[in-house]
Amino acid sequence: MTTVSKGDIIELKALHNPPVLVKYVLEATVLLLGHSPAEAKNWKFVRGILNDPTLLNQLKNFHAENCDPESAKKAKELLEDITEEKVCKVSKAASQLVNWAKNAVDECESAGKLKDPS
Protein backbone atom coordinates (compact mmCIF):
# COMPACT_ATOMS: atom_id res chain seq x y z
CA MET A 1 0.00 0.00 0.00
CA THR A 2 1.03 3.56 -0.63
CA THR A 3 2.72 5.23 2.29
CA VAL A 4 0.81 7.98 4.02
CA SER A 5 3.01 9.83 6.50
CA LYS A 6 2.29 11.51 9.80
CA GLY A 7 3.16 14.78 8.06
CA ASP A 8 0.45 14.14 5.45
CA ILE A 9 -2.11 13.62 8.22
CA ILE A 10 -0.97 16.79 10.03
CA GLU A 11 -1.29 18.79 6.80
CA LEU A 12 -4.78 17.42 6.10
CA LYS A 13 -6.18 18.04 9.58
CA ALA A 14 -4.91 21.64 9.45
CA LEU A 15 -7.31 22.38 6.58
CA HIS A 16 -10.33 24.33 7.79
CA ASN A 17 -12.20 24.22 4.50
CA PRO A 18 -10.56 21.62 2.27
CA PRO A 19 -10.92 21.72 -1.52
CA VAL A 20 -13.64 19.48 -2.96
CA LEU A 21 -11.15 16.90 -4.28
CA VAL A 22 -9.60 16.60 -0.83
CA LYS A 23 -13.04 16.20 0.74
CA TYR A 24 -13.85 13.37 -1.69
CA VAL A 25 -10.57 11.59 -0.95
CA LEU A 26 -11.11 11.88 2.80
CA GLU A 27 -14.75 10.82 2.52
CA ALA A 28 -13.74 7.71 0.57
CA THR A 29 -11.00 6.94 3.09
CA VAL A 30 -13.35 7.24 6.06
CA LEU A 31 -15.90 4.99 4.33
CA LEU A 32 -13.24 2.36 3.64
CA LEU A 33 -12.24 2.46 7.31
CA GLY A 34 -15.76 1.41 8.25
CA HIS A 35 -17.54 4.63 9.13
CA SER A 36 -21.02 5.57 7.96
CA PRO A 37 -21.71 7.79 4.93
CA ALA A 38 -23.12 10.48 7.24
CA GLU A 39 -19.93 10.46 9.32
CA ALA A 40 -17.75 10.45 6.19
CA LYS A 41 -19.46 13.63 4.92
CA ASN A 42 -19.08 15.44 8.25
CA TRP A 43 -15.83 17.46 8.19
CA LYS A 44 -15.76 17.76 11.99
CA PHE A 45 -15.99 13.96 12.27
CA VAL A 46 -13.31 13.48 9.57
CA ARG A 47 -10.98 15.83 11.45
CA GLY A 48 -11.54 13.68 14.52
CA ILE A 49 -10.44 10.65 12.51
CA LEU A 50 -7.37 12.58 11.35
CA ASN A 51 -6.58 13.27 15.03
CA ASP A 52 -6.80 9.57 15.93
CA PRO A 53 -3.27 8.42 16.83
CA THR A 54 -4.07 4.95 15.43
CA LEU A 55 -5.01 6.24 11.95
CA LEU A 56 -1.71 5.39 10.27
CA ASN A 57 -1.91 1.85 11.67
CA GLN A 58 -5.50 1.55 10.46
CA LEU A 59 -4.38 2.51 6.97
CA LYS A 60 -1.38 0.20 7.09
CA ASN A 61 -3.42 -2.75 8.38
CA PHE A 62 -6.45 -2.33 6.11
CA HIS A 63 -8.09 -5.64 5.19
CA ALA A 64 -10.52 -5.56 2.27
CA GLU A 65 -12.44 -8.58 3.56
CA ASN A 66 -13.57 -6.46 6.54
CA CYS A 67 -14.86 -3.63 4.36
CA ASP A 68 -18.60 -3.11 3.96
CA PRO A 69 -19.58 -3.67 0.28
CA GLU A 70 -21.78 -0.55 0.14
CA SER A 71 -18.99 1.58 1.59
CA ALA A 72 -16.52 0.16 -0.94
CA LYS A 73 -18.93 0.95 -3.81
CA LYS A 74 -19.48 4.50 -2.57
CA ALA A 75 -15.71 5.03 -2.15
CA LYS A 76 -15.13 3.79 -5.70
CA GLU A 77 -17.76 6.23 -7.01
CA LEU A 78 -16.17 9.13 -5.11
CA LEU A 79 -12.72 8.34 -6.49
CA GLU A 80 -13.77 7.46 -10.03
CA ASP A 81 -12.64 10.66 -11.77
CA ILE A 82 -9.94 11.59 -9.28
CA THR A 83 -6.27 11.11 -10.14
CA GLU A 84 -3.16 11.61 -8.07
CA GLU A 85 -2.14 14.41 -10.44
CA LYS A 86 -5.42 16.32 -9.97
CA VAL A 87 -5.27 16.00 -6.19
CA CYS A 88 -1.58 16.90 -6.03
CA LYS A 89 -2.42 20.30 -7.54
CA VAL A 90 -4.49 21.13 -4.46
CA SER A 91 -2.80 19.00 -1.76
CA LYS A 92 0.34 16.87 -1.86
CA ALA A 93 -0.76 15.15 1.35
CA ALA A 94 -4.13 14.19 -0.12
CA SER A 95 -2.37 12.79 -3.20
CA GLN A 96 -0.76 10.17 -0.97
CA LEU A 97 -4.13 9.34 0.55
CA VAL A 98 -5.84 9.05 -2.85
CA ASN A 99 -3.29 6.40 -3.78
CA TRP A 100 -4.04 4.51 -0.58
CA ALA A 101 -7.80 4.78 -1.13
CA LYS A 102 -7.62 3.64 -4.77
CA ASN A 103 -5.43 0.69 -3.77
CA ALA A 104 -7.90 -0.15 -0.99
CA VAL A 105 -10.81 -0.05 -3.47
CA ASP A 106 -8.83 -2.34 -5.80
CA GLU A 107 -8.31 -4.75 -2.89
CA CYS A 108 -12.04 -4.64 -2.15
CA GLU A 109 -12.75 -5.41 -5.79
CA SER A 110 -10.33 -8.36 -5.70
CA ALA A 111 -12.03 -9.60 -2.52
CA GLY A 112 -15.40 -9.54 -4.31
CA LYS A 113 -16.78 -6.63 -2.29
CA LEU A 114 -17.89 -4.66 -5.35
CA LYS A 115 -19.87 -7.40 -7.06
CA ASP A 116 -23.61 -6.95 -7.38
CA PRO A 117 -25.49 -9.79 -5.70
CA SER A 118 -27.01 -12.07 -8.32
C-alpha atoms as a PDB file:
ATOM      1  CA  MET A   1       0.000   0.000   0.000  1.00  0.00           C
ATOM      2  CA  THR A   2       1.033   3.562  -0.629  1.00  0.00           C
ATOM      3  CA  THR A   3       2.722   5.227   2.295  1.00  0.00           C
ATOM      4  CA  VAL A   4       0.812   7.983   4.016  1.00  0.00           C
ATOM      5  CA  SER A   5       3.005   9.825   6.496  1.00  0.00           C
ATOM      6  CA  LYS A   6       2.289  11.507   9.799  1.00  0.00           C
ATOM      7  CA  GLY A   7       3.161  14.785   8.058  1.00  0.00           C
ATOM      8  CA  ASP A   8       0.451  14.137   5.455  1.00  0.00           C
ATOM      9  CA  ILE A   9      -2.108  13.620   8.217  1.00  0.00           C
ATOM     10  CA  ILE A  10      -0.974  16.794  10.029  1.00  0.00           C
ATOM     11  CA  GLU A  11      -1.295  18.788   6.797  1.00  0.00           C
ATOM     12  CA  LEU A  12      -4.783  17.424   6.102  1.00  0.00           C
ATOM     13  CA  LYS A  13      -6.178  18.036   9.576  1.00  0.00           C
ATOM     14  CA  ALA A  14      -4.913  21.643   9.448  1.00  0.00           C
ATOM     15  CA  LEU A  15      -7.311  22.385   6.584  1.00  0.00           C
ATOM     16  CA  HIS A  16     -10.325  24.328   7.795  1.00  0.00           C
ATOM     17  CA  ASN A  17     -12.199  24.221   4.502  1.00  0.00           C
ATOM     18  CA  PRO A  18     -10.562  21.617   2.272  1.00  0.00           C
ATOM     19  CA  PRO A  19     -10.923  21.723  -1.522  1.00  0.00           C
ATOM     20  CA  VAL A  20     -13.641  19.482  -2.962  1.00  0.00           C
ATOM     21  CA  LEU A  21     -11.154  16.895  -4.277  1.00  0.00           C
ATOM     22  CA  VAL A  22      -9.599  16.595  -0.833  1.00  0.00           C
ATOM     23  CA  LYS A  23     -13.043  16.196   0.741  1.00  0.00           C
ATOM     24  CA  TYR A  24     -13.853  13.365  -1.686  1.00  0.00           C
ATOM     25  CA  VAL A  25     -10.574  11.586  -0.948  1.00  0.00           C
ATOM     26  CA  LEU A  26     -11.107  11.876   2.799  1.00  0.00           C
ATOM     27  CA  GLU A  27     -14.750  10.825   2.524  1.00  0.00           C
ATOM     28  CA  ALA A  28     -13.740   7.710   0.565  1.00  0.00           C
ATOM     29  CA  THR A  29     -11.005   6.941   3.095  1.00  0.00           C
ATOM     30  CA  VAL A  30     -13.346   7.244   6.064  1.00  0.00           C
ATOM     31  CA  LEU A  31     -15.896   4.991   4.328  1.00  0.00           C
ATOM     32  CA  LEU A  32     -13.237   2.363   3.639  1.00  0.00           C
ATOM     33  CA  LEU A  33     -12.243   2.459   7.308  1.00  0.00           C
ATOM     34  CA  GLY A  34     -15.762   1.413   8.248  1.00  0.00           C
ATOM     35  CA  HIS A  35     -17.541   4.633   9.128  1.00  0.00           C
ATOM     36  CA  SER A  36     -21.020   5.570   7.960  1.00  0.00           C
ATOM     37  CA  PRO A  37     -21.714   7.789   4.930  1.00  0.00           C
ATOM     38  CA  ALA A  38     -23.122  10.482   7.236  1.00  0.00           C
ATOM     39  CA  GLU A  39     -19.935  10.457   9.316  1.00  0.00           C
ATOM     40  CA  ALA A  40     -17.749  10.449   6.193  1.00  0.00           C
ATOM     41  CA  LYS A  41     -19.456  13.626   4.923  1.00  0.00           C
ATOM     42  CA  ASN A  42     -19.080  15.439   8.250  1.00  0.00           C
ATOM     43  CA  TRP A  43     -15.830  17.460   8.187  1.00  0.00           C
ATOM     44  CA  LYS A  44     -15.765  17.757  11.991  1.00  0.00           C
ATOM     45  CA  PHE A  45     -15.994  13.958  12.269  1.00  0.00           C
ATOM     46  CA  VAL A  46     -13.315  13.475   9.575  1.00  0.00           C
ATOM     47  CA  ARG A  47     -10.976  15.829  11.446  1.00  0.00           C
ATOM     48  CA  GLY A  48     -11.540  13.679  14.525  1.00  0.00           C
ATOM     49  CA  ILE A  49     -10.444  10.646  12.505  1.00  0.00           C
ATOM     50  CA  LEU A  50      -7.367  12.575  11.354  1.00  0.00           C
ATOM     51  CA  ASN A  51      -6.576  13.271  15.034  1.00  0.00           C
ATOM     52  CA  ASP A  52      -6.802   9.572  15.931  1.00  0.00           C
ATOM     53  CA  PRO A  53      -3.269   8.420  16.831  1.00  0.00           C
ATOM     54  CA  THR A  54      -4.069   4.954  15.427  1.00  0.00           C
ATOM     55  CA  LEU A  55      -5.014   6.236  11.949  1.00  0.00           C
ATOM     56  CA  LEU A  56      -1.714   5.390  10.271  1.00  0.00           C
ATOM     57  CA  ASN A  57      -1.907   1.851  11.672  1.00  0.00           C
ATOM     58  CA  GLN A  58      -5.503   1.549  10.463  1.00  0.00           C
ATOM     59  CA  LEU A  59      -4.385   2.512   6.965  1.00  0.00           C
ATOM     60  CA  LYS A  60      -1.383   0.197   7.089  1.00  0.00           C
ATOM     61  CA  ASN A  61      -3.423  -2.747   8.381  1.00  0.00           C
ATOM     62  CA  PHE A  62      -6.453  -2.325   6.107  1.00  0.00           C
ATOM     63  CA  HIS A  63      -8.095  -5.639   5.188  1.00  0.00           C
ATOM     64  CA  ALA A  64     -10.524  -5.564   2.272  1.00  0.00           C
ATOM     65  CA  GLU A  65     -12.435  -8.575   3.562  1.00  0.00           C
ATOM     66  CA  ASN A  66     -13.565  -6.461   6.542  1.00  0.00           C
ATOM     67  CA  CYS A  67     -14.864  -3.626   4.357  1.00  0.00           C
ATOM     68  CA  ASP A  68     -18.602  -3.110   3.958  1.00  0.00           C
ATOM     69  CA  PRO A  69     -19.581  -3.669   0.285  1.00  0.00           C
ATOM     70  CA  GLU A  70     -21.782  -0.551   0.139  1.00  0.00           C
ATOM     71  CA  SER A  71     -18.991   1.583   1.587  1.00  0.00           C
ATOM     72  CA  ALA A  72     -16.525   0.162  -0.944  1.00  0.00           C
ATOM     73  CA  LYS A  73     -18.926   0.953  -3.811  1.00  0.00           C
ATOM     74  CA  LYS A  74     -19.480   4.496  -2.569  1.00  0.00           C
ATOM     75  CA  ALA A  75     -15.714   5.034  -2.148  1.00  0.00           C
ATOM     76  CA  LYS A  76     -15.133   3.789  -5.702  1.00  0.00           C
ATOM     77  CA  GLU A  77     -17.760   6.235  -7.015  1.00  0.00           C
ATOM     78  CA  LEU A  78     -16.175   9.126  -5.111  1.00  0.00           C
ATOM     79  CA  LEU A  79     -12.720   8.335  -6.492  1.00  0.00           C
ATOM     80  CA  GLU A  80     -13.771   7.456 -10.035  1.00  0.00           C
ATOM     81  CA  ASP A  81     -12.637  10.657 -11.766  1.00  0.00           C
ATOM     82  CA  ILE A  82      -9.936  11.590  -9.282  1.00  0.00           C
ATOM     83  CA  THR A  83      -6.272  11.111 -10.139  1.00  0.00           C
ATOM     84  CA  GLU A  84      -3.160  11.613  -8.069  1.00  0.00           C
ATOM     85  CA  GLU A  85      -2.135  14.415 -10.442  1.00  0.00           C
ATOM     86  CA  LYS A  86      -5.423  16.322  -9.970  1.00  0.00           C
ATOM     87  CA  VAL A  87      -5.268  15.995  -6.195  1.00  0.00           C
ATOM     88  CA  CYS A  88      -1.578  16.900  -6.029  1.00  0.00           C
ATOM     89  CA  LYS A  89      -2.417  20.302  -7.542  1.00  0.00           C
ATOM     90  CA  VAL A  90      -4.488  21.132  -4.457  1.00  0.00           C
ATOM     91  CA  SER A  91      -2.804  19.000  -1.762  1.00  0.00           C
ATOM     92  CA  LYS A  92       0.341  16.874  -1.862  1.00  0.00           C
ATOM     93  CA  ALA A  93      -0.763  15.150   1.352  1.00  0.00           C
ATOM     94  CA  ALA A  94      -4.127  14.195  -0.124  1.00  0.00           C
ATOM     95  CA  SER A  95      -2.373  12.790  -3.204  1.00  0.00           C
ATOM     96  CA  GLN A  96      -0.759  10.165  -0.972  1.00  0.00           C
ATOM     97  CA  LEU A  97      -4.128   9.341   0.546  1.00  0.00           C
ATOM     98  CA  VAL A  98      -5.843   9.054  -2.848  1.00  0.00           C
ATOM     99  CA  ASN A  99      -3.293   6.398  -3.784  1.00  0.00           C
ATOM    100  CA  TRP A 100      -4.037   4.511  -0.578  1.00  0.00           C
ATOM    101  CA  ALA A 101      -7.803   4.779  -1.131  1.00  0.00           C
ATOM    102  CA  LYS A 102      -7.624   3.639  -4.768  1.00  0.00           C
ATOM    103  CA  ASN A 103      -5.433   0.688  -3.770  1.00  0.00           C
ATOM    104  CA  ALA A 104      -7.902  -0.148  -0.994  1.00  0.00           C
ATOM    105  CA  VAL A 105     -10.807  -0.047  -3.468  1.00  0.00           C
ATOM    106  CA  ASP A 106      -8.827  -2.338  -5.796  1.00  0.00           C
ATOM    107  CA  GLU A 107      -8.308  -4.746  -2.887  1.00  0.00           C
ATOM    108  CA  CYS A 108     -12.041  -4.639  -2.149  1.00  0.00           C
ATOM    109  CA  GLU A 109     -12.747  -5.405  -5.790  1.00  0.00           C
ATOM    110  CA  SER A 110     -10.332  -8.361  -5.699  1.00  0.00           C
ATOM    111  CA  ALA A 111     -12.026  -9.598  -2.524  1.00  0.00           C
ATOM    112  CA  GLY A 112     -15.402  -9.541  -4.311  1.00  0.00           C
ATOM    113  CA  LYS A 113     -16.781  -6.634  -2.287  1.00  0.00           C
ATOM    114  CA  LEU A 114     -17.893  -4.664  -5.354  1.00  0.00           C
ATOM    115  CA  LYS A 115     -19.873  -7.398  -7.064  1.00  0.00           C
ATOM    116  CA  ASP A 116     -23.614  -6.948  -7.378  1.00  0.00           C
ATOM    117  CA  PRO A 117     -25.487  -9.785  -5.696  1.00  0.00           C
ATOM    118  CA  SER A 118     -27.006 -12.071  -8.323  1.00  0.00           C
END
